[in-house]
Amino acid sequence: MVRSFLSRMRDERGQGLAEYALILALIAIIAIAALVFLGTQVSSILSTIGAAI
């Protein structure tokens, strides 16, 4: 009885960890895509700010 409970807990933890890893990977992909598309705009804004200072 205890072994079956512990084995179920391990499976759920592994499943939760896999879900968190997938979410983290998705967030990383979105962040990289945003930097690729908005990189030049952000760079020009920071250059303007740097020149003003």
Protein backbone atom coordinates (compact mmCIF):
# COMPACT_ATOMS: atom_id res chain seq x y z
CA MET A 1 0.00 0.00 0.00
CA VAL A 2 2.77 2.44 0.89
CA ARG A 3 4.79 1.46 -2.18
CA SER A 4 1.85 2.06 -4.51
CA PHE A 5 1.27 5.47 -2.93
CA LEU A 6 4.92 6.41 -3.29
CA SER A 7 5.05 5.21 -6.89
CA ARG A 8 2.02 7.37 -7.73
CA MET A 9 3.65 10.37 -6.09
CA ARG A 10 6.80 9.89 -8.15
CA ASP A 11 4.80 9.68 -11.36
CA GLU A 12 2.91 12.88 -10.56
CA ARG A 13 6.08 14.72 -9.65
CA GLY A 14 7.72 13.63 -12.88
CA GLN A 15 4.69 14.68 -14.87
CA GLY A 16 4.59 18.06 -13.14
CA LEU A 17 8.29 18.57 -13.75
CA ALA A 18 7.84 17.77 -17.43
CA GLU A 19 4.97 20.26 -17.67
CA TYR A 20 7.05 22.99 -16.02
CA ALA A 21 9.92 22.24 -18.39
CA LEU A 22 7.61 22.57 -21.41
CA ILE A 23 6.22 25.86 -20.12
CA LEU A 24 9.73 27.17 -19.49
CA ALA A 25 10.82 26.14 -22.99
CA LEU A 26 7.78 27.87 -24.50
CA ILE A 27 8.52 31.08 -22.58
CA ALA A 28 12.16 30.95 -23.70
CA ILE A 29 11.13 30.52 -27.35
CA ILE A 30 8.71 33.46 -27.11
CA ALA A 31 11.38 35.64 -25.46
CA ILE A 32 13.95 34.79 -28.14
CA ALA A 33 11.43 35.48 -30.91
CA ALA A 34 10.55 38.83 -29.34
CA LEU A 35 14.23 39.78 -29.15
CA VAL A 36 14.78 38.80 -32.78
CA PHE A 37 11.83 40.85 -34.03
CA LEU A 38 12.22 43.82 -31.69
CA GLY A 39 16.01 43.82 -31.32
CA THR A 40 16.71 46.61 -33.76
CA GLN A 41 14.00 48.86 -32.31
CA VAL A 42 15.24 48.32 -28.77
CA SER A 43 18.82 48.94 -29.89
CA SER A 44 17.89 52.26 -31.51
CA ILE A 45 15.94 53.37 -28.44
CA LEU A 46 18.86 52.54 -26.16
CA SER A 47 21.25 54.36 -28.49
CA THR A 48 19.05 57.44 -28.37
CA ILE A 49 18.92 57.31 -24.58
CA GLY A 50 22.69 56.80 -24.39
CA ALA A 51 23.36 59.75 -26.68
CA ALA A 52 21.05 61.96 -24.62
CA ILE A 53 22.89 61.13 -21.44
